[in-house]
Protein backbone atom coordinates (compact mmCIF):
# COMPACT_ATOMS: atom_id res chain seq x y z
CA MET A 1 -7.60 -27.83 2.77
CA ASN A 2 -7.55 -30.97 4.97
CA ALA A 3 -10.27 -32.18 7.31
CA PHE A 4 -8.45 -30.89 10.41
CA THR A 5 -8.29 -27.35 8.98
CA THR A 6 -11.97 -27.49 8.09
CA ILE A 7 -12.86 -28.50 11.65
CA GLN A 8 -10.73 -25.67 13.01
CA ARG A 9 -12.49 -23.11 10.83
CA THR A 10 -15.90 -24.45 11.90
CA LEU A 11 -15.01 -24.20 15.59
CA VAL A 12 -13.72 -20.64 15.13
CA GLN A 13 -16.91 -19.61 13.35
CA GLN A 14 -19.02 -21.10 16.12
CA ALA A 15 -16.98 -19.29 18.77
CA LEU A 16 -17.35 -15.97 16.94
CA THR A 17 -21.14 -16.28 16.82
CA GLN A 18 -21.21 -16.54 20.63
CA LEU A 19 -19.26 -13.32 21.20
CA PRO A 20 -21.01 -10.02 21.94
CA HIS A 21 -21.50 -8.01 18.75
CA GLU A 22 -19.16 -5.16 19.79
CA VAL A 23 -16.39 -7.67 20.50
CA ALA A 24 -16.89 -9.71 17.32
CA SER A 25 -16.96 -6.57 15.16
CA ALA A 26 -13.63 -5.42 16.64
CA LEU A 27 -11.85 -8.66 15.78
CA TRP A 28 -9.75 -8.94 12.66
CA ARG A 29 -8.68 -12.25 11.11
CA GLY A 30 -5.50 -12.55 9.10
CA ASP A 31 -7.27 -14.06 6.09
CA GLN A 32 -9.50 -10.99 5.74
CA LEU A 33 -8.54 -7.62 4.29
CA GLN A 34 -8.58 -5.28 7.26
CA ALA A 35 -11.20 -2.58 6.95
CA GLY A 36 -9.09 -0.04 8.80
CA HIS A 37 -7.22 0.52 12.06
CA ALA A 38 -7.80 -2.02 14.78
CA ALA A 39 -9.96 0.51 16.60
CA GLY A 40 -11.87 1.23 13.41
CA SER A 41 -11.16 4.96 13.65
CA ALA A 42 -8.16 5.53 11.40
CA VAL A 43 -8.71 7.67 8.32
CA VAL A 44 -7.50 6.54 4.90
CA CYS A 45 -6.71 8.67 1.87
CA SER A 46 -7.71 7.31 -1.51
CA SER A 47 -4.71 6.52 -3.70
CA GLY A 48 -6.50 7.85 -6.77
CA PHE A 49 -6.32 4.41 -8.41
CA ALA A 50 -9.47 2.31 -7.99
CA ALA A 51 -7.62 -0.96 -8.57
CA LEU A 52 -5.08 -0.11 -5.87
CA ASP A 53 -7.68 1.14 -3.37
CA ALA A 54 -9.47 -2.21 -3.72
CA GLU A 55 -6.34 -3.99 -2.46
CA LEU A 56 -5.34 -1.57 0.31
CA PRO A 57 -6.70 -2.16 3.83
CA GLY A 58 -9.45 0.38 4.44
CA GLY A 59 -9.62 1.32 0.75
CA GLY A 60 -6.71 3.76 0.57
CA TRP A 61 -3.36 4.85 2.00
CA PRO A 62 -3.67 4.44 5.76
CA THR A 63 -2.85 6.81 8.60
CA ARG A 64 -1.41 5.82 11.98
CA VAL A 65 1.03 3.44 10.30
CA VAL A 66 4.21 3.64 8.25
CA THR A 67 3.75 2.80 4.58
CA GLU A 68 7.05 1.62 3.10
CA ILE A 69 7.52 2.09 -0.64
CA LEU A 70 10.42 0.25 -2.27
CA GLN A 71 11.66 1.08 -5.76
CA PRO A 72 14.74 0.53 -7.94
CA HIS A 73 17.61 2.91 -7.44
CA ASP A 74 17.34 6.14 -9.45
CA SER A 75 13.82 5.39 -10.69
CA TRP A 76 12.03 8.26 -8.86
CA LEU A 77 8.54 6.86 -9.41
CA GLU A 78 7.12 7.87 -6.03
CA TRP A 79 5.58 11.13 -7.26
CA ARG A 80 3.67 9.41 -10.04
CA LEU A 81 2.22 7.01 -7.48
CA LEU A 82 1.44 9.50 -4.70
CA LEU A 83 0.45 12.75 -6.42
CA PRO A 84 -3.19 11.66 -6.92
CA ALA A 85 -3.41 10.90 -3.19
CA LEU A 86 -1.79 14.22 -2.25
CA GLN A 87 -4.30 16.02 -4.46
CA ARG A 88 -7.09 14.35 -2.49
CA CYS A 89 -5.43 15.29 0.80
CA VAL A 90 -5.57 18.92 -0.32
CA ALA A 91 -9.18 18.63 -1.46
CA HIS A 92 -10.20 17.17 1.91
CA HIS A 93 -8.10 19.75 3.83
CA GLN A 94 -5.75 17.10 5.21
CA ILE A 95 -2.92 19.25 3.78
CA ARG A 96 -3.63 22.90 4.60
CA ARG A 97 -2.16 25.96 6.28
CA GLY A 98 -0.71 24.76 9.56
CA ARG A 99 -0.59 21.11 8.43
CA PRO A 100 1.94 21.11 5.59
CA LEU A 101 3.32 18.46 3.31
CA ILE A 102 6.75 17.66 4.80
CA LEU A 103 9.47 16.22 2.55
CA LEU A 104 12.42 14.72 4.41
CA GLY A 105 15.62 14.13 2.47
CA PRO A 106 14.32 13.85 -1.12
CA PRO A 107 17.18 12.95 -3.52
CA TRP A 108 16.30 15.95 -5.74
CA PRO A 109 14.97 19.38 -4.80
CA PRO A 110 11.16 19.32 -4.99
CA HIS A 111 9.74 20.73 -8.22
CA LEU A 112 7.34 23.24 -6.72
CA PRO A 113 5.74 24.37 -10.02
CA GLY A 114 4.65 20.76 -10.49
CA LEU A 115 3.29 20.55 -6.95
CA VAL A 116 1.42 23.83 -7.47
CA GLN A 117 -0.04 22.44 -10.69
CA ALA A 118 -1.24 19.47 -8.65
CA GLY A 119 -3.14 21.86 -6.41
CA LEU A 120 -0.73 22.31 -3.51
CA ASP A 121 0.12 25.73 -2.13
CA ALA A 122 3.90 26.15 -2.18
CA ARG A 123 3.67 27.75 1.27
CA ASP A 124 2.32 24.45 2.57
CA VAL A 125 5.43 22.49 1.52
CA ILE A 126 8.39 22.09 3.86
CA TRP A 127 11.61 20.56 2.52
CA VAL A 128 14.00 19.20 5.15
CA ARG A 129 17.48 18.78 3.68
CA SER A 130 19.69 16.40 5.63
CA GLN A 131 21.04 12.86 5.65
CA GLY A 132 22.14 10.06 7.95
CA PRO A 133 21.22 10.13 11.66
CA ARG A 134 20.03 13.76 11.50
CA LEU A 135 17.46 12.87 8.85
CA LEU A 136 16.15 9.94 10.88
CA TRP A 137 15.94 12.20 13.94
CA ALA A 138 14.03 14.80 11.91
CA ALA A 139 11.56 12.15 10.71
CA GLU A 140 10.92 11.07 14.29
CA GLN A 141 10.31 14.65 15.44
CA VAL A 142 7.95 15.41 12.55
CA ILE A 143 5.86 12.30 13.24
CA LYS A 144 5.76 12.92 16.99
CA ALA A 145 4.82 16.58 16.57
CA GLU A 146 1.54 15.60 14.83
CA GLY A 147 1.60 18.82 12.82
CA ALA A 148 1.90 17.51 9.26
CA GLY A 149 -0.75 16.90 6.64
CA ALA A 150 1.41 14.19 5.03
CA VAL A 151 4.97 12.99 5.62
CA LEU A 152 7.28 11.73 2.85
CA ALA A 153 10.68 10.52 4.07
CA TRP A 154 13.50 9.18 1.91
CA LEU A 155 15.47 6.89 4.24
CA PRO A 156 17.54 4.56 2.03
CA HIS A 157 19.79 3.44 4.90
CA ALA A 158 17.14 2.93 7.57
CA ARG A 159 17.61 -0.25 9.59
CA PRO A 160 14.80 -2.54 10.84
CA ASP A 161 15.06 -1.03 14.34
CA HIS A 162 14.70 2.46 12.86
CA LEU A 163 11.51 1.44 11.06
CA ARG A 164 10.20 -0.17 14.22
CA ARG A 165 10.66 3.10 16.11
CA LEU A 166 9.00 5.11 13.34
CA GLN A 167 6.06 2.69 13.26
CA THR A 168 5.59 3.03 17.03
CA MET A 169 5.45 6.82 16.69
CA ALA A 170 3.21 6.70 13.61
CA GLN A 171 0.46 4.94 15.57
CA ALA A 172 -0.37 8.31 17.12
CA CYS A 173 -0.02 10.28 13.86
CA SER A 174 -3.17 11.26 11.97
CA ALA A 175 -1.23 11.97 8.74
CA PRO A 176 -0.16 9.34 6.21
CA VAL A 177 3.53 8.55 6.62
CA PHE A 178 5.49 7.23 3.61
CA VAL A 179 9.05 5.95 3.84
CA PHE A 180 11.00 5.35 0.62
CA ARG A 181 13.74 2.74 0.47
CA PRO A 182 15.56 0.87 -2.35
CA ALA A 183 14.05 -2.28 -3.82
CA SER A 184 17.05 -4.23 -2.54
CA ALA A 185 15.64 -3.84 0.99
CA GLN A 186 12.59 -6.02 0.30
CA ALA A 187 14.31 -9.07 1.81
CA GLU A 188 14.91 -7.20 5.09
CA SER A 189 12.49 -7.36 7.98
CA SER A 190 10.26 -4.32 8.43
CA ALA A 191 7.78 -3.20 11.07
CA ALA A 192 5.80 -1.26 8.45
CA PRO A 193 2.32 -2.85 8.22
CA LEU A 194 2.10 -1.90 4.53
CA ARG A 195 4.98 -2.52 2.13
CA VAL A 196 4.78 -1.84 -1.60
CA LEU A 197 7.29 -2.57 -4.38
CA LEU A 198 7.13 -0.01 -7.18
CA SER A 199 8.59 -0.37 -10.67
CA LEU A 200 7.95 0.55 -14.29
CA GLY A 201 5.61 -1.79 -16.14
CA GLN A 202 7.57 -1.85 -19.40
CA ALA A 203 5.25 -4.23 -21.23
CA ALA A 204 2.21 -1.97 -20.75
CA GLY A 205 3.76 1.21 -22.14
CA PRO A 206 5.64 4.22 -20.75
CA ALA A 207 2.74 5.32 -18.51
CA ALA A 208 2.49 2.05 -16.62
CA LEU A 209 3.47 1.62 -13.01
CA GLN A 210 3.75 -1.86 -11.58
CA VAL A 211 2.77 -2.06 -7.93
CA GLN A 212 3.30 -5.23 -5.94
CA ILE A 213 1.92 -5.36 -2.40
CA LEU A 214 4.54 -7.22 -0.40
CA LYS A 215 2.85 -6.89 2.98
CA ARG A 216 -0.52 -5.73 4.22
CA ARG A 217 -2.97 -6.41 7.00
CA GLY A 218 -4.86 -9.08 5.15
CA PRO A 219 -4.27 -12.06 2.86
CA THR A 220 -1.19 -12.13 0.68
CA HIS A 221 -1.39 -10.43 -2.70
CA ALA A 222 0.62 -12.36 -5.27
CA GLU A 223 -0.14 -10.60 -8.56
CA PRO A 224 1.30 -7.10 -9.18
CA LEU A 225 -1.08 -4.33 -10.19
CA ALA A 226 -0.59 -2.37 -13.43
CA LEU A 227 -1.55 1.29 -13.00
CA THR A 228 -1.61 3.98 -15.69
CA ALA A 229 0.14 7.06 -14.30
CA TRP A 230 1.57 9.64 -16.67
CA PRO A 231 3.78 12.30 -15.11
CA LEU A 232 1.76 15.39 -14.24
CA GLY A 233 1.19 17.65 -17.25
CA LEU A 234 1.60 14.90 -19.87
CA ALA A 235 -1.80 13.22 -19.54
CA ASP A 236 -3.51 15.68 -21.92
CA LEU A 237 -0.51 15.95 -24.22
CA VAL A 238 -0.27 12.22 -24.95
CA ARG A 239 -3.85 12.19 -26.23
CA LEU A 240 -2.75 14.19 -29.28
CA PRO A 241 -2.49 11.93 -32.38
CA SER A 242 1.00 13.14 -33.29
CA VAL A 243 2.32 12.41 -29.81
CA SER A 244 0.61 9.03 -29.71
CA ALA A 245 2.41 8.13 -32.95
CA GLU A 246 5.73 9.15 -31.44
CA LEU A 247 5.12 6.95 -28.42
CA ALA A 248 4.44 4.01 -30.70
CA ALA A 249 7.86 4.41 -32.33
CA PRO A 250 10.79 2.21 -31.23
CA ASP A 251 12.77 3.38 -28.21
CA GLY A 252 15.16 6.20 -29.02
CA VAL A 253 13.58 6.89 -32.44
CA ALA A 254 11.23 9.71 -33.42
CA SER A 255 9.18 10.23 -36.57
CA VAL A 256 9.76 13.59 -38.26
CA GLY A 257 7.97 14.34 -41.55
CA GLY A 258 7.44 10.63 -42.21
CA SER A 259 11.11 9.75 -41.60
CA ARG A 260 12.68 8.48 -38.42
CA ARG A 261 15.67 9.84 -36.60
CA PRO A 262 17.32 9.17 -33.23
CA VAL A 263 15.99 11.18 -30.29
CA GLU A 264 18.54 13.37 -28.61
CA LYS A 265 18.57 12.91 -24.86
CA VAL A 266 18.87 16.03 -22.75
CA SER A 267 19.96 16.01 -19.12
CA ALA A 268 18.12 18.65 -17.09
CA GLN A 269 19.37 20.21 -13.90
CA PRO A 270 16.97 20.16 -10.93
CA PRO A 271 15.17 23.50 -10.56
CA ALA A 272 15.89 25.85 -7.71
CA VAL A 273 13.34 26.14 -4.94
CA PRO A 274 11.36 29.42 -5.16
CA ALA A 275 11.90 31.89 -2.36
CA HIS A 276 8.41 31.41 -0.91
CA ALA A 277 9.01 27.72 -0.20
CA VAL A 278 10.26 26.63 3.21
CA ALA A 279 13.55 24.73 3.21
CA VAL A 280 15.32 23.52 6.35
CA ASP A 281 18.98 22.48 6.11
CA LEU A 282 19.88 20.40 9.15
CA SER A 283 23.49 20.14 8.02
CA MET A 284 23.90 23.72 9.25
CA VAL A 285 22.74 22.76 12.77
CA SER A 286 25.48 21.85 15.21
């Protein structure tokens, strides 16, 4: 830091001390982690990871903004990252009857038994099945309607102007809005105030998620965070000694009766959505 910068900082500090308290408390400086919405009234939802909450403005996933989550193609890590937060939204009645969890264009049908295990009521989940311009239009209408408890939108082909429009609408939305795009889009401009790059943390074991905050309202965050996030239903199972030993084996090899053999990989078909779930297919709308 040179002498000129030091003088600038001193002058700014002196000017701030002369402002009325209500004005000074409403100001946010770019080198400080923003405590919340500019008006100080936006609600945040804890991510469920203390290390991540400590780095998110306001201490959790924000509302009234678009949160953009980038991840490698075909990795499907978003549920492992967001399920703890969705569980908290249910516990605090953010997701409830009349304010559902709305899923727009997920690449696979939602696994409702897993969501029910996480504490969600299947009747409070709406799956919108569409693609292209119709899906973007649906996302805009859902955000504008202000009737959702949480919005998850998979928009791999969204352009910067699309995100700008969604961000403008999200400023009046009291629900957290998440937009998922491929990791290759991280070099593109984005109006989303919070951008996160999600990947598997291979060096820390199969449960590790690596989260890098690319953009936030606050100082830059250079070092990625390593979070432990087992898929739902496996957290208790992996504590068993026999399973722990299997996880310690080399990739693709399992220990059976003291000997090792290759693990057979099974490809599972996505489950059908139970009849009591709400699914909307916009491809059938002219």
